[in-house]
């Protein structure tokens, strides 16, 4: 059977039809490493994006390509795995911060990550694209905007014969992609996966699948949380961090536009809307394989939740959710990841009927290295409305499904913004704190799973003209979790190496191994959300608060999937400025929360 698979794979890779040789040939197939990695074609093509720089020159993005030479010699065509990134010569990619390298003639030598080492011998081309304004591309860094989406889309178009490529950044000699089958899969972590989302939202033909890992779906939700300023820096500063020298000298106007479009007020602007891919998710035609950490405190998990929910029902999809933070699955579940990704690309890029599309859509890590499969995500839940009830201890009470009694008399709970941290607020859950409120459920009688995006409505007053609000969900009880707040965000990097594919001089297929980094806790934060109270009516414009006037605001908490074990309690913490994640509104307001008009909507299984 191994021989038959290899022969069929050869036939497919060079563009021949797959013809069953016998009933046994209908069994699952896979691409196998039959091409020489050492002899692969390595080249760079600069693709015209159709846009112009501030100086009026056409923008070309550099696409470094590695592809099997034997397929070209046989006159065949191969599919493409593409990673479009701003990081190839700045921060690098992967756990080892690998960067692109070139020989003295400018020919690409090292392709970061394992995609080239593993997939080129199996009949794929790997194309690593420098986003506009970075590395060897021209143009400007516009942080997820029109130019960067065009960087990826133009290369997909070129691979399908619809755009023009050149052999240099400024010359007139054209380069064709006659070797490309036109089937493209985009993959990448963080900013790279973000661009995959943005390109997919254009509905571009030829993009057959995307694999966004820890990816942004809305840049507003990377830098803001319902009007509150997240401690993520600024778009213009991020552009400066990755841009090449030409962009640094020529793109001041672009960075000024980024600065003007991201006011500290937290207002939604046209700049943010251009960088929100969720409204255009209806245009996605590619299959989607999402990977995200429910404890990702860089690209907050609301980004995967809203993207997933916005995808058309017709889009074939899969999702992996890990307890880790902003970590690539190659570093938290390596062997299973490589196998799953291999079968995913084989199916969607080579058309191999291996059944991967019929496997469980959802795989979630609820305990370190313990994974659960489900037919879909989020799992079927019964949305519950939970209410906070005061007790005889100030600022401490009960969380349950019993609504407050029908009365017009507010029940106020009070605290003061001390610009503290959620990690401090969740300690001593039975004690009064002047800096937060905490409401805990009775001990659960059975395991209860939260799957989806919680949402809270809070009615509150502020003694100042501006105020922040934070809502945190906590699993109270002894737990062993991935140490997502530690170095490695849930993994430890070892000194040993394992190899995934073939190596060549200057590009090794051997990568440092990793292990799970665990920690114990009695208060595990499982979801959090933030808001600026001045945006109670709209994200478009922050309003000045009238002191001691009640305002009702509704905002999302982080999308998540967690199991609260039997015997544990679920707690809701309400605070103001969570200094671990958001900036203050400039004051130390006294906050009063009306418990009769505050409700948590949470997707849960089981009874409560």
Protein backbone atom coordinates (compact mmCIF):
# COMPACT_ATOMS: atom_id res chain seq x y z
CA UNK A 1 0.00 0.00 0.00
CA UNK A 2 2.89 2.39 0.67
CA UNK A 3 4.12 1.91 -2.93
CA UNK A 4 0.66 2.55 -4.32
CA UNK A 5 0.28 5.74 -2.28
CA UNK A 6 3.62 7.04 -3.47
CA UNK A 7 2.80 6.39 -7.12
CA UNK A 8 -0.59 8.05 -6.83
CA UNK A 9 0.96 11.02 -5.08
CA UNK A 10 3.49 11.42 -7.90
CA UNK A 11 0.68 11.34 -10.45
CA UNK A 12 -1.24 14.00 -8.57
CA UNK A 13 1.72 16.27 -7.95
CA UNK A 14 2.58 16.50 -11.62
CA UNK A 15 -0.99 17.28 -12.57
CA UNK A 16 -2.22 13.86 -13.68
CA UNK A 17 -5.64 12.58 -12.70
CA UNK A 18 -5.96 10.13 -9.85
CA UNK A 19 -7.29 6.87 -11.27
CA UNK A 20 -8.13 4.11 -8.76
CA UNK A 21 -5.93 1.11 -9.51
CA UNK A 22 -8.11 -1.26 -7.51
CA UNK A 23 -10.72 -1.15 -4.75
CA UNK A 24 -7.82 -0.85 -2.27
CA UNK A 25 -6.71 2.35 -3.97
CA UNK A 26 -9.82 4.07 -2.59
CA UNK A 27 -8.32 3.87 0.90
CA UNK A 28 -7.04 7.14 2.43
CA UNK A 29 -4.01 8.54 0.64
CA UNK A 30 -1.31 10.93 1.69
CA UNK A 31 1.47 12.86 0.05
CA UNK A 32 4.84 11.30 0.73
CA UNK A 33 8.41 12.68 0.62
CA UNK A 34 9.46 11.69 -2.88
CA UNK A 35 11.08 14.96 -4.02
CA UNK A 36 14.58 16.20 -3.23
CA UNK A 37 14.66 19.07 -0.77
CA UNK A 38 18.34 19.76 -1.42
CA UNK A 39 17.69 20.16 -5.17
CA UNK A 40 14.55 22.28 -4.77
CA UNK A 41 14.20 25.49 -6.78
CA UNK A 42 14.81 28.55 -4.60
CA UNK A 43 13.91 31.96 -6.01
CA UNK A 44 12.38 35.34 -5.25
CA UNK A 45 9.61 37.06 -7.20
CA UNK A 46 8.42 40.60 -6.57
CA UNK A 47 4.65 40.82 -7.10
CA UNK A 48 2.88 44.06 -8.05
CA UNK A 49 0.11 44.68 -5.51
CA UNK A 50 -1.69 47.23 -7.66
CA UNK A 51 -1.21 49.92 -4.99
CA UNK A 52 1.18 52.85 -4.86
CA UNK A 53 3.49 54.20 -2.18
CA UNK A 54 3.20 57.76 -0.80
CA UNK A 55 5.82 58.71 -3.41
CA UNK A 56 3.65 57.33 -6.22
CA UNK A 57 5.69 54.20 -7.03
CA UNK A 58 3.96 50.87 -7.52
CA UNK A 59 4.28 48.62 -4.50
CA UNK A 60 5.92 45.23 -5.03
CA UNK A 61 6.13 42.57 -2.34
CA UNK A 62 8.91 39.99 -2.21
CA UNK A 63 7.81 36.36 -2.32
CA UNK A 64 10.55 33.89 -1.49
CA UNK A 65 9.74 30.54 -3.08
CA UNK A 66 10.98 26.99 -2.62
CA UNK A 67 9.47 24.24 -4.77
CA UNK A 68 10.31 20.73 -6.00
CA UNK A 69 12.52 20.82 -9.08
CA UNK A 70 11.38 17.39 -10.31
CA UNK A 71 7.76 18.54 -10.66
CA UNK A 72 8.86 21.45 -12.86
CA UNK A 73 11.06 19.16 -14.95
CA UNK A 74 8.10 16.85 -15.54
CA UNK A 75 5.94 19.81 -16.56
CA UNK A 76 3.66 19.43 -13.55
CA UNK A 77 2.08 21.95 -11.22
CA UNK A 78 2.17 22.04 -7.44
CA UNK A 79 -0.01 23.65 -4.76
CA UNK A 80 1.30 26.40 -2.50
CA UNK A 81 1.57 26.85 1.27
CA UNK A 82 1.99 30.57 1.92
CA UNK A 83 2.94 32.55 5.02
CA UNK A 84 2.79 36.34 4.62
CA UNK A 85 4.61 38.07 7.47
CA UNK A 86 6.24 41.35 8.55
CA UNK A 87 8.73 39.53 10.77
CA UNK A 88 11.14 37.68 8.49
CA UNK A 89 14.07 40.06 8.97
CA UNK A 90 12.99 41.77 12.21
CA UNK A 91 11.66 39.62 15.06
CA UNK A 92 11.90 36.30 13.23
CA UNK A 93 9.43 33.41 13.31
CA UNK A 94 8.81 30.50 15.62
CA UNK A 95 10.07 29.56 19.05
CA UNK A 96 13.66 30.06 17.85
CA UNK A 97 13.01 33.44 16.16
CA UNK A 98 14.27 32.19 12.81
CA UNK A 99 14.89 34.77 10.07
CA UNK A 100 15.23 34.47 6.33
CA UNK A 101 18.79 34.23 5.04
CA UNK A 102 20.19 34.67 1.53
CA UNK A 103 23.37 33.81 -0.33
CA UNK A 104 25.64 36.40 -1.93
CA UNK A 105 23.44 36.50 -5.04
CA UNK A 106 20.28 37.15 -3.01
CA UNK A 107 18.94 33.61 -3.41
CA UNK A 108 16.90 32.51 -0.37
CA UNK A 109 18.63 29.92 1.81
CA UNK A 110 16.81 29.65 5.15
CA UNK A 111 13.03 29.53 5.12
CA UNK A 112 11.87 29.93 8.75
CA UNK A 113 9.74 27.22 10.38
CA UNK A 114 9.28 23.62 9.24
CA UNK A 115 6.84 24.10 6.38
CA UNK A 116 9.51 24.01 3.67
CA UNK A 117 11.45 21.11 5.16
CA UNK A 118 8.38 18.95 5.58
CA UNK A 119 6.08 19.86 2.69
CA UNK A 120 8.41 20.56 -0.27
CA UNK A 121 9.54 16.90 -0.42
CA UNK A 122 5.83 16.00 -0.41
CA UNK A 123 5.08 17.97 -3.56
CA UNK A 124 4.25 21.44 -2.29
CA UNK A 125 5.75 24.84 -2.94
CA UNK A 126 6.26 27.06 0.10
CA UNK A 127 6.04 30.81 -0.45
CA UNK A 128 7.05 33.25 2.29
CA UNK A 129 5.87 36.79 1.55
CA UNK A 130 7.35 39.96 3.06
CA UNK A 131 4.44 42.29 3.79
CA UNK A 132 4.63 45.76 2.23
CA UNK A 133 7.27 47.97 3.81
CA UNK A 134 9.13 45.07 5.45
CA UNK A 135 12.28 43.14 4.55
CA UNK A 136 12.75 43.22 0.76
CA UNK A 137 9.29 44.56 -0.16
CA UNK A 138 8.54 48.13 -1.16
CA UNK A 139 5.73 50.31 0.15
CA UNK A 140 4.66 50.98 3.73
CA UNK A 141 3.58 49.03 6.80
CA UNK A 142 -0.06 49.88 7.41
CA UNK A 143 -0.69 47.38 10.25
CA UNK A 144 -3.38 45.12 8.88
CA UNK A 145 -4.74 47.66 6.43
CA UNK A 146 -5.39 47.72 2.72
CA UNK A 147 -1.73 47.49 1.70
CA UNK A 148 -0.97 44.42 3.81
CA UNK A 149 -4.09 42.55 2.73
CA UNK A 150 -3.15 43.40 -0.86
CA UNK A 151 0.32 41.96 -0.17
CA UNK A 152 -1.18 38.53 0.37
CA UNK A 153 -4.02 38.75 -2.12
CA UNK A 154 -1.73 39.88 -4.95
CA UNK A 155 0.50 36.84 -4.49
CA UNK A 156 -2.54 34.53 -4.57
CA UNK A 157 -3.57 36.30 -7.77
CA UNK A 158 -0.07 35.92 -9.25
CA UNK A 159 -0.07 32.22 -8.43
CA UNK A 160 -3.30 32.03 -10.43
CA UNK A 161 -2.08 34.10 -13.38
CA UNK A 162 -4.03 37.26 -12.50
CA UNK A 163 -1.20 39.53 -11.28
CA UNK A 164 2.27 40.43 -12.50
CA UNK A 165 5.48 39.26 -10.89
CA UNK A 166 9.01 40.48 -11.54
CA UNK A 167 12.50 39.13 -11.03
CA UNK A 168 13.54 42.23 -9.07
CA UNK A 169 12.03 44.94 -6.88
CA UNK A 170 12.28 47.62 -9.58
CA UNK A 171 13.12 45.92 -12.88
CA UNK A 172 10.87 45.17 -15.85
CA UNK A 173 11.64 41.46 -16.36
CA UNK A 174 8.51 39.48 -15.59
CA UNK A 175 8.27 36.13 -13.81
CA UNK A 176 5.38 33.72 -14.21
CA UNK A 177 4.03 31.09 -11.84
CA UNK A 178 3.58 28.46 -14.54
CA UNK A 179 4.57 25.82 -11.99
CA UNK A 180 1.63 26.66 -9.66
CA UNK A 181 -1.58 24.63 -9.60
CA UNK A 182 -3.35 27.74 -8.35
CA UNK A 183 -4.41 26.06 -5.09
CA UNK A 184 -3.12 28.16 -2.17
CA UNK A 185 -3.28 27.66 1.57
CA UNK A 186 -2.30 30.55 3.86
CA UNK A 187 -0.95 29.82 7.31
CA UNK A 188 0.68 31.82 10.06
CA UNK A 189 0.75 32.77 13.70
CA UNK A 190 -0.20 36.18 15.07
CA UNK A 191 0.23 38.97 12.47
CA UNK A 192 0.80 36.33 9.76
CA UNK A 193 -2.48 34.56 10.54
CA UNK A 194 -4.19 37.91 10.76
CA UNK A 195 -3.32 38.63 7.13
CA UNK A 196 -4.64 35.19 6.21
CA UNK A 197 -7.98 36.22 7.76
CA UNK A 198 -7.93 39.52 5.88
CA UNK A 199 -7.11 37.92 2.52
CA UNK A 200 -9.76 35.22 2.99
CA UNK A 201 -12.34 37.92 3.70
CA UNK A 202 -11.76 39.29 0.18
CA UNK A 203 -13.08 36.02 -1.24
CA UNK A 204 -10.10 35.76 -3.61
CA UNK A 205 -10.28 32.81 -5.98
CA UNK A 206 -7.58 30.18 -5.54
CA UNK A 207 -7.29 30.55 -1.77
CA UNK A 208 -8.50 27.11 -0.77
CA UNK A 209 -7.79 27.15 2.96
CA UNK A 210 -6.40 29.30 5.75
CA UNK A 211 -4.83 28.25 9.05
CA UNK A 212 -4.83 31.31 11.34
CA UNK A 213 -2.93 30.64 14.58
CA UNK A 214 -3.42 33.13 17.43
CA UNK A 215 -4.66 35.56 14.80
CA UNK A 216 -6.38 38.94 14.97
CA UNK A 217 -9.81 39.32 13.36
CA UNK A 218 -10.25 42.98 14.33
CA UNK A 219 -7.31 45.27 15.05
CA UNK A 220 -9.59 47.39 17.22
CA UNK A 221 -9.95 44.38 19.49
CA UNK A 222 -6.18 44.00 19.59
CA UNK A 223 -5.64 47.55 20.85
CA UNK A 224 -9.00 48.36 22.49
CA UNK A 225 -11.65 46.61 24.58
CA UNK A 226 -15.02 48.33 24.25
CA UNK A 227 -13.36 51.73 24.47
CA UNK A 228 -10.74 50.82 27.08
CA UNK A 229 -7.12 51.11 25.93
CA UNK A 230 -5.30 47.79 26.12
CA UNK A 231 -1.63 47.86 27.09
CA UNK A 232 -0.48 46.79 23.62
CA UNK A 233 1.27 49.97 22.50
CA UNK A 234 0.17 51.78 19.34
CA UNK A 235 -0.17 50.81 15.66
CA UNK A 236 2.33 53.45 14.55
CA UNK A 237 4.92 52.16 17.04
CA UNK A 238 4.35 48.62 15.80
CA UNK A 239 4.89 49.74 12.23
CA UNK A 240 8.20 51.32 13.21
CA UNK A 241 9.27 48.06 14.82
CA UNK A 242 9.06 45.99 11.64
CA UNK A 243 9.50 48.40 8.73
CA UNK A 244 12.56 48.41 6.50
CA UNK A 245 14.83 51.44 6.12
CA UNK A 246 13.05 52.71 2.99
CA UNK A 247 9.69 52.62 4.75
CA UNK A 248 11.17 54.36 7.79
CA UNK A 249 12.30 57.20 5.54
CA UNK A 250 9.24 57.44 3.28
CA UNK A 251 6.14 56.38 5.22
CA UNK A 252 5.67 59.10 7.85
CA UNK A 253 2.26 59.99 6.41
CA UNK A 254 1.06 56.40 6.81
CA UNK A 255 2.16 56.32 10.44
CA UNK A 256 0.48 59.67 11.03
CA UNK A 257 -2.75 58.20 9.67
CA UNK A 258 -2.38 55.27 12.06
CA UNK A 259 -1.84 57.62 14.99
CA UNK A 260 -4.83 59.82 14.14
CA UNK A 261 -7.02 56.77 13.63
CA UNK A 262 -6.28 55.27 17.05
CA UNK A 263 -7.24 58.02 19.54
CA UNK A 264 -6.74 57.37 23.23
CA UNK A 265 -10.47 57.99 23.69
CA UNK A 266 -11.05 54.44 22.46
CA UNK A 267 -13.46 55.62 19.79
CA UNK A 268 -14.16 53.39 16.80
CA UNK A 269 -12.81 55.15 13.70
CA UNK A 270 -12.64 54.57 9.96
CA UNK A 271 -9.05 53.40 10.44
CA UNK A 272 -10.20 50.64 12.80
CA UNK A 273 -13.11 49.66 10.55
CA UNK A 274 -10.76 49.14 7.61
CA UNK A 275 -8.85 46.68 9.78
CA UNK A 276 -11.91 44.76 10.97
CA UNK A 277 -12.26 41.59 8.88
CA UNK A 278 -15.32 40.24 10.72
CA UNK A 279 -17.98 42.16 8.73
CA UNK A 280 -16.53 40.70 5.51
CA UNK A 281 -16.31 37.14 6.82
CA UNK A 282 -19.41 36.39 4.77
CA UNK A 283 -17.13 36.55 1.71
CA UNK A 284 -14.85 33.75 2.91
CA UNK A 285 -14.82 30.79 0.52
CA UNK A 286 -11.71 29.02 1.83
CA UNK A 287 -11.88 26.34 4.50
CA UNK A 288 -10.66 27.57 7.90
CA UNK A 289 -8.56 25.79 10.55
CA UNK A 290 -8.40 28.04 13.62
CA UNK A 291 -5.88 27.54 16.41
CA UNK A 292 -5.93 29.80 19.47
CA UNK A 293 -5.03 29.86 23.15
CA UNK A 294 -7.93 30.55 25.49
CA UNK A 295 -5.29 32.15 27.71
CA UNK A 296 -3.72 34.20 24.92
CA UNK A 297 -3.15 37.62 26.50
CA UNK A 298 -1.47 39.00 23.38
CA UNK A 299 -4.11 38.37 20.73
CA UNK A 300 -7.11 38.15 23.03
CA UNK A 301 -9.40 35.21 22.40
CA UNK A 302 -12.37 37.39 21.47
CA UNK A 303 -10.61 37.56 18.09
CA UNK A 304 -11.12 33.89 17.28
CA UNK A 305 -14.61 33.75 18.77
CA UNK A 306 -16.11 36.54 16.70
CA UNK A 307 -14.32 35.36 13.52
CA UNK A 308 -15.51 31.79 13.93
CA UNK A 309 -19.10 32.88 14.57
CA UNK A 310 -19.12 35.20 11.54
CA UNK A 311 -17.98 32.56 9.03
CA UNK A 312 -20.68 31.41 6.61
CA UNK A 313 -22.30 28.08 7.45
CA UNK A 314 -21.00 26.76 4.11
CA UNK A 315 -17.35 27.15 5.15
CA UNK A 316 -15.72 23.87 6.16
CA UNK A 317 -13.84 24.45 9.37
CA UNK A 318 -11.91 23.07 12.29
CA UNK A 319 -10.71 24.55 15.58
CA UNK A 320 -8.09 23.74 18.19
CA UNK A 321 -8.19 25.57 21.52
CA UNK A 322 -5.33 25.21 23.98
CA UNK A 323 -4.79 26.27 27.58
CA UNK A 324 -1.53 27.87 26.50
CA UNK A 325 -1.06 31.53 25.66
CA UNK A 326 0.29 32.94 22.39
CA UNK A 327 1.95 29.67 21.36
CA UNK A 328 2.21 27.79 18.06
CA UNK A 329 0.78 24.24 18.07
CA UNK A 330 4.17 23.06 16.80
CA UNK A 331 5.33 23.85 20.33
CA UNK A 332 2.43 22.53 22.40
CA UNK A 333 1.27 19.41 20.46
CA UNK A 334 3.93 18.88 17.83
CA UNK A 335 3.47 15.37 16.48
CA UNK A 336 -0.32 15.52 16.32
CA UNK A 337 -0.15 19.00 14.81
CA UNK A 338 2.19 18.04 11.97
CA UNK A 339 0.09 15.00 11.14
CA UNK A 340 -3.20 16.94 11.23
CA UNK A 341 -1.83 19.85 9.20
CA UNK A 342 -0.40 17.41 6.66
CA UNK A 343 -3.77 15.77 6.14
CA UNK A 344 -5.54 19.17 6.09
CA UNK A 345 -3.32 20.51 3.31
CA UNK A 346 -3.41 17.22 1.42
CA UNK A 347 -7.20 17.39 1.34
CA UNK A 348 -7.74 21.06 0.58
CA UNK A 349 -4.73 21.71 -1.66
CA UNK A 350 -4.14 18.36 -3.34
CA UNK A 351 -7.72 17.11 -3.30
CA UNK A 352 -6.84 13.88 -1.52
CA UNK A 353 -9.93 12.27 0.00
CA UNK A 354 -8.46 11.41 3.39
CA UNK A 355 -11.58 12.18 5.44
CA UNK A 356 -10.05 15.01 7.47
CA UNK A 357 -13.09 17.15 6.69
CA UNK A 358 -15.30 14.60 8.44
CA UNK A 359 -13.30 14.46 11.66
CA UNK A 360 -14.47 16.33 14.78
CA UNK A 361 -14.55 20.06 14.14
CA UNK A 362 -13.50 20.98 17.66
CA UNK A 363 -10.53 19.85 19.78
CA UNK A 364 -10.13 21.56 23.15
CA UNK A 365 -7.51 21.20 25.88
CA UNK A 366 -9.31 21.33 29.25
CA UNK A 367 -6.36 20.09 31.31
CA UNK A 368 -2.68 20.16 30.37
CA UNK A 369 -2.19 17.67 27.52
CA UNK A 370 -5.74 16.32 27.89
CA UNK A 371 -7.76 17.00 24.75
CA UNK A 372 -11.44 16.54 23.99
CA UNK A 373 -13.02 16.23 20.55
CA UNK A 374 -16.51 17.50 19.77
CA UNK A 375 -18.56 17.66 16.57
CA UNK A 376 -18.67 21.46 16.62
CA UNK A 377 -17.78 24.62 18.48
CA UNK A 378 -19.08 26.07 20.63
CA UNK A 379 -20.65 22.94 22.04
CA UNK A 380 -24.38 22.94 22.61
CA UNK A 381 -25.09 24.88 25.79
CA UNK A 382 -28.02 26.38 27.61
CA UNK A 383 -27.35 30.11 27.88
CA UNK A 384 -27.78 31.13 31.48
CA UNK A 385 -28.44 34.47 33.12
CA UNK A 386 -26.56 34.79 36.39
CA UNK A 387 -27.08 37.52 38.94
CA UNK A 388 -24.99 38.93 41.78
CA UNK A 389 -26.58 39.10 45.22
CA UNK A 390 -25.24 41.04 48.16
CA UNK A 391 -24.46 39.43 51.52
CA UNK A 392 -23.66 40.72 54.97
CA UNK A 393 -20.01 41.09 53.91
CA UNK A 394 -19.47 44.27 51.90
CA UNK A 395 -18.45 43.64 48.32
CA UNK A 396 -18.81 39.88 48.66
CA UNK A 397 -21.89 37.90 47.72
CA UNK A 398 -23.55 35.06 45.88
CA UNK A 399 -23.73 34.37 42.14
CA UNK A 400 -26.71 32.33 40.98
CA UNK A 401 -29.57 32.17 38.48
CA UNK A 402 -32.15 33.74 40.80
CA UNK A 403 -33.08 37.18 39.42
CA UNK A 404 -33.26 40.08 41.84
CA UNK A 405 -36.69 40.76 43.32
CA UNK A 406 -38.90 43.03 41.21
CA UNK A 407 -38.22 46.35 42.82
CA UNK A 408 -37.32 49.83 41.65
CA UNK A 409 -34.97 50.27 44.58
CA UNK A 410 -31.30 49.86 43.52
CA UNK A 411 -28.96 47.66 45.50
CA UNK A 412 -25.60 49.37 45.33
CA UNK A 413 -22.22 47.72 45.78
CA UNK A 414 -19.25 50.07 45.95
CA UNK A 415 -15.50 50.02 45.36
CA UNK A 416 -12.73 52.41 44.36
CA UNK A 417 -10.40 52.23 41.39
CA UNK A 418 -6.90 51.66 42.76
CA UNK A 419 -5.41 50.67 39.36
CA UNK A 420 -4.86 47.20 40.73
CA UNK A 421 -4.72 43.83 38.98
CA UNK A 422 -7.17 41.03 38.37
CA UNK A 423 -4.58 38.63 39.76
CA UNK A 424 -4.79 40.41 43.11
CA UNK A 425 -8.56 40.82 43.00
CA UNK A 426 -9.20 37.07 42.79
CA UNK A 427 -7.30 36.33 46.00
CA UNK A 428 -9.14 36.13 49.33
CA UNK A 429 -12.54 35.62 47.65
CA UNK A 430 -14.48 35.69 50.92
CA UNK A 431 -12.98 38.96 52.17
CA UNK A 432 -13.95 42.56 51.56
CA UNK A 433 -11.72 44.58 49.28
CA UNK A 434 -12.03 48.28 48.62
CA UNK A 435 -10.84 47.68 45.03
CA UNK A 436 -13.31 45.09 43.72
CA UNK A 437 -16.56 43.16 44.13
CA UNK A 438 -16.74 39.36 44.08
CA UNK A 439 -19.76 37.05 43.83
CA UNK A 440 -19.37 33.27 44.00
CA UNK A 441 -21.69 30.40 43.17
CA UNK A 442 -22.34 27.51 45.51
CA UNK A 443 -20.11 24.48 44.93
CA UNK A 444 -21.12 22.82 41.67
CA UNK A 445 -22.67 19.38 42.00
CA UNK A 446 -21.39 18.26 38.57
CA UNK A 447 -18.85 19.34 35.99
CA UNK A 448 -20.07 22.38 34.08
CA UNK A 449 -18.60 23.47 30.74
CA UNK A 450 -18.47 27.06 29.54
CA UNK A 451 -18.19 27.17 25.75
CA UNK A 452 -18.53 30.37 23.78
CA UNK A 453 -18.47 34.10 24.53
CA UNK A 454 -19.85 35.36 27.86
CA UNK A 455 -21.44 38.81 27.94
CA UNK A 456 -22.18 41.11 30.84
CA UNK A 457 -24.46 44.08 31.43
CA UNK A 458 -23.45 46.37 34.29
CA UNK A 459 -25.30 49.43 35.55
CA UNK A 460 -22.85 51.69 37.37
CA UNK A 461 -22.07 55.21 38.48
CA UNK A 462 -18.71 56.96 38.67
CA UNK A 463 -17.56 59.79 40.90
CA UNK A 464 -15.39 61.02 38.00
CA UNK A 465 -16.08 62.07 34.42
CA UNK A 466 -14.45 58.88 33.08
CA UNK A 467 -14.08 55.33 34.37
CA UNK A 468 -13.08 51.82 33.35
CA UNK A 469 -14.85 48.57 34.17
CA UNK A 470 -13.42 45.06 34.32
CA UNK A 471 -15.34 41.78 34.61
CA UNK A 472 -13.49 38.55 35.39
CA UNK A 473 -14.73 34.96 35.61
CA UNK A 474 -12.86 32.72 38.02
CA UNK A 475 -12.81 28.99 38.70
CA UNK A 476 -12.42 28.76 42.47
CA UNK A 477 -10.93 25.43 43.46
CA UNK A 478 -7.62 23.55 43.25
CA UNK A 479 -6.48 23.17 39.64
CA UNK A 480 -3.38 22.26 37.68
CA UNK A 481 -3.16 24.40 34.54
CA UNK A 482 -0.66 25.36 31.89
CA UNK A 483 1.49 28.14 33.27
CA UNK A 484 0.35 30.63 30.63
CA UNK A 485 1.64 33.62 32.62
CA UNK A 486 5.13 32.17 32.91
CA UNK A 487 8.03 32.23 30.45
CA UNK A 488 6.95 30.37 27.34
CA UNK A 489 3.24 30.97 28.11
CA UNK A 490 2.59 27.33 28.98
CA UNK A 491 5.62 25.59 27.45
CA UNK A 492 9.25 25.04 28.39
CA UNK A 493 11.89 24.92 25.67
CA UNK A 494 14.28 21.98 26.01
CA UNK A 495 17.85 21.53 24.80
CA UNK A 496 17.11 18.49 22.64
CA UNK A 497 15.99 18.64 19.01
CA UNK A 498 13.69 16.61 16.78
CA UNK A 499 13.56 16.73 12.99
CA UNK A 500 10.50 17.31 10.83
CA UNK A 501 11.35 16.95 7.18
CA UNK A 502 14.62 17.23 5.31
CA UNK A 503 17.54 19.55 5.93
CA UNK A 504 19.93 21.33 3.59
CA UNK A 505 22.96 23.52 4.18
CA UNK A 506 21.71 26.65 5.89
CA UNK A 507 18.20 25.34 6.60
CA UNK A 508 17.80 22.62 9.21
CA UNK A 509 14.63 20.61 9.74
CA UNK A 510 15.56 20.03 13.38
CA UNK A 511 13.93 22.20 16.04
CA UNK A 512 14.23 22.50 19.80
CA UNK A 513 11.81 20.25 21.63
CA UNK A 514 9.33 21.61 24.15
CA UNK A 515 7.49 20.34 27.21
CA UNK A 516 4.35 21.42 29.03
CA UNK A 517 4.91 23.94 31.80
CA UNK A 518 2.31 23.46 34.54
CA UNK A 519 1.37 25.34 37.66
CA UNK A 520 -1.15 24.95 40.47
CA UNK A 521 -3.74 27.49 41.47
CA UNK A 522 -6.86 27.83 43.60
CA UNK A 523 -8.25 30.72 41.53
CA UNK A 524 -8.00 30.18 37.78
CA UNK A 525 -9.13 33.16 35.68
CA UNK A 526 -11.02 31.66 32.75
CA UNK A 527 -12.37 34.77 31.01
CA UNK A 528 -12.12 38.51 31.32
CA UNK A 529 -13.45 41.62 29.64
CA UNK A 530 -12.92 45.36 29.86
CA UNK A 531 -14.82 48.50 28.92
CA UNK A 532 -14.78 52.26 29.17
CA UNK A 533 -18.02 53.41 30.82
CA UNK A 534 -18.05 56.48 28.59
CA UNK A 535 -18.80 54.18 25.67
CA UNK A 536 -22.02 52.97 27.25
CA UNK A 537 -24.10 54.22 24.30
CA UNK A 538 -21.74 53.62 21.36
CA UNK A 539 -18.17 52.79 20.44
CA UNK A 540 -18.18 55.68 17.99
CA UNK A 541 -17.83 58.45 20.57
CA UNK A 542 -16.79 58.46 24.20
CA UNK A 543 -19.16 60.48 26.39
CA UNK A 544 -18.22 62.48 29.45
CA UNK A 545 -19.82 60.95 32.52
CA UNK A 546 -21.94 62.95 34.90
CA UNK A 547 -20.79 62.04 38.41
CA UNK A 548 -23.07 59.66 40.30
CA UNK A 549 -25.39 59.19 37.31
CA UNK A 550 -26.23 55.53 36.49
CA UNK A 551 -25.12 54.25 33.08
CA UNK A 552 -25.86 50.81 31.62
CA UNK A 553 -23.14 49.20 29.52
CA UNK A 554 -22.96 45.77 27.87
CA UNK A 555 -19.71 44.19 26.71
CA UNK A 556 -18.21 40.81 25.83
CA UNK A 557 -15.78 38.79 27.87
CA UNK A 558 -13.16 36.58 26.24
CA UNK A 559 -14.34 33.68 24.10
CA UNK A 560 -13.38 30.52 25.93
CA UNK A 561 -13.95 26.83 26.53
CA UNK A 562 -13.43 25.68 30.10
CA UNK A 563 -14.73 23.01 32.44
CA UNK A 564 -15.58 24.00 36.01
CA UNK A 565 -15.19 20.72 37.93
CA UNK A 566 -17.73 19.47 40.42
CA UNK A 567 -16.98 20.87 43.87
CA UNK A 568 -15.53 24.11 42.47
CA UNK A 569 -17.28 27.47 42.45
CA UNK A 570 -17.68 29.99 39.66
CA UNK A 571 -17.00 33.57 40.68
CA UNK A 572 -17.64 36.92 39.02
CA UNK A 573 -15.25 39.73 39.90
CA UNK A 574 -16.04 43.34 39.01
CA UNK A 575 -13.31 45.96 39.22
CA UNK A 576 -12.20 49.13 37.49
CA UNK A 577 -8.73 49.62 35.93
CA UNK A 578 -7.11 46.21 35.52
CA UNK A 579 -3.54 47.48 35.28
CA UNK A 580 -2.31 44.11 34.02
CA UNK A 581 -4.15 44.66 30.74
CA UNK A 582 -5.70 48.15 30.36
CA UNK A 583 -4.72 51.74 30.91
CA UNK A 584 -6.62 53.96 33.30
CA UNK A 585 -9.14 56.64 32.35
CA UNK A 586 -6.98 59.20 34.17
CA UNK A 587 -8.82 59.17 37.49
CA UNK A 588 -9.30 57.09 40.64
CA UNK A 589 -13.10 57.05 40.58
CA UNK A 590 -15.40 55.62 43.19
CA UNK A 591 -17.66 53.15 41.42
CA UNK A 592 -21.13 52.03 42.49
CA UNK A 593 -22.77 49.02 40.80
CA UNK A 594 -26.52 48.48 40.86
CA UNK A 595 -26.83 44.73 41.41
CA UNK A 596 -30.51 44.73 40.44
CA UNK A 597 -29.55 45.84 36.92
CA UNK A 598 -26.41 43.77 36.43
CA UNK A 599 -26.54 40.39 34.68
CA UNK A 600 -24.00 37.91 33.32
CA UNK A 601 -25.02 35.92 30.24
CA UNK A 602 -22.93 32.80 29.98
CA UNK A 603 -23.06 29.75 27.67
CA UNK A 604 -22.92 26.73 29.98
CA UNK A 605 -23.81 23.06 30.02
CA UNK A 606 -25.46 21.34 32.94
CA UNK A 607 -27.42 22.83 35.79
CA UNK A 608 -26.37 25.75 37.95
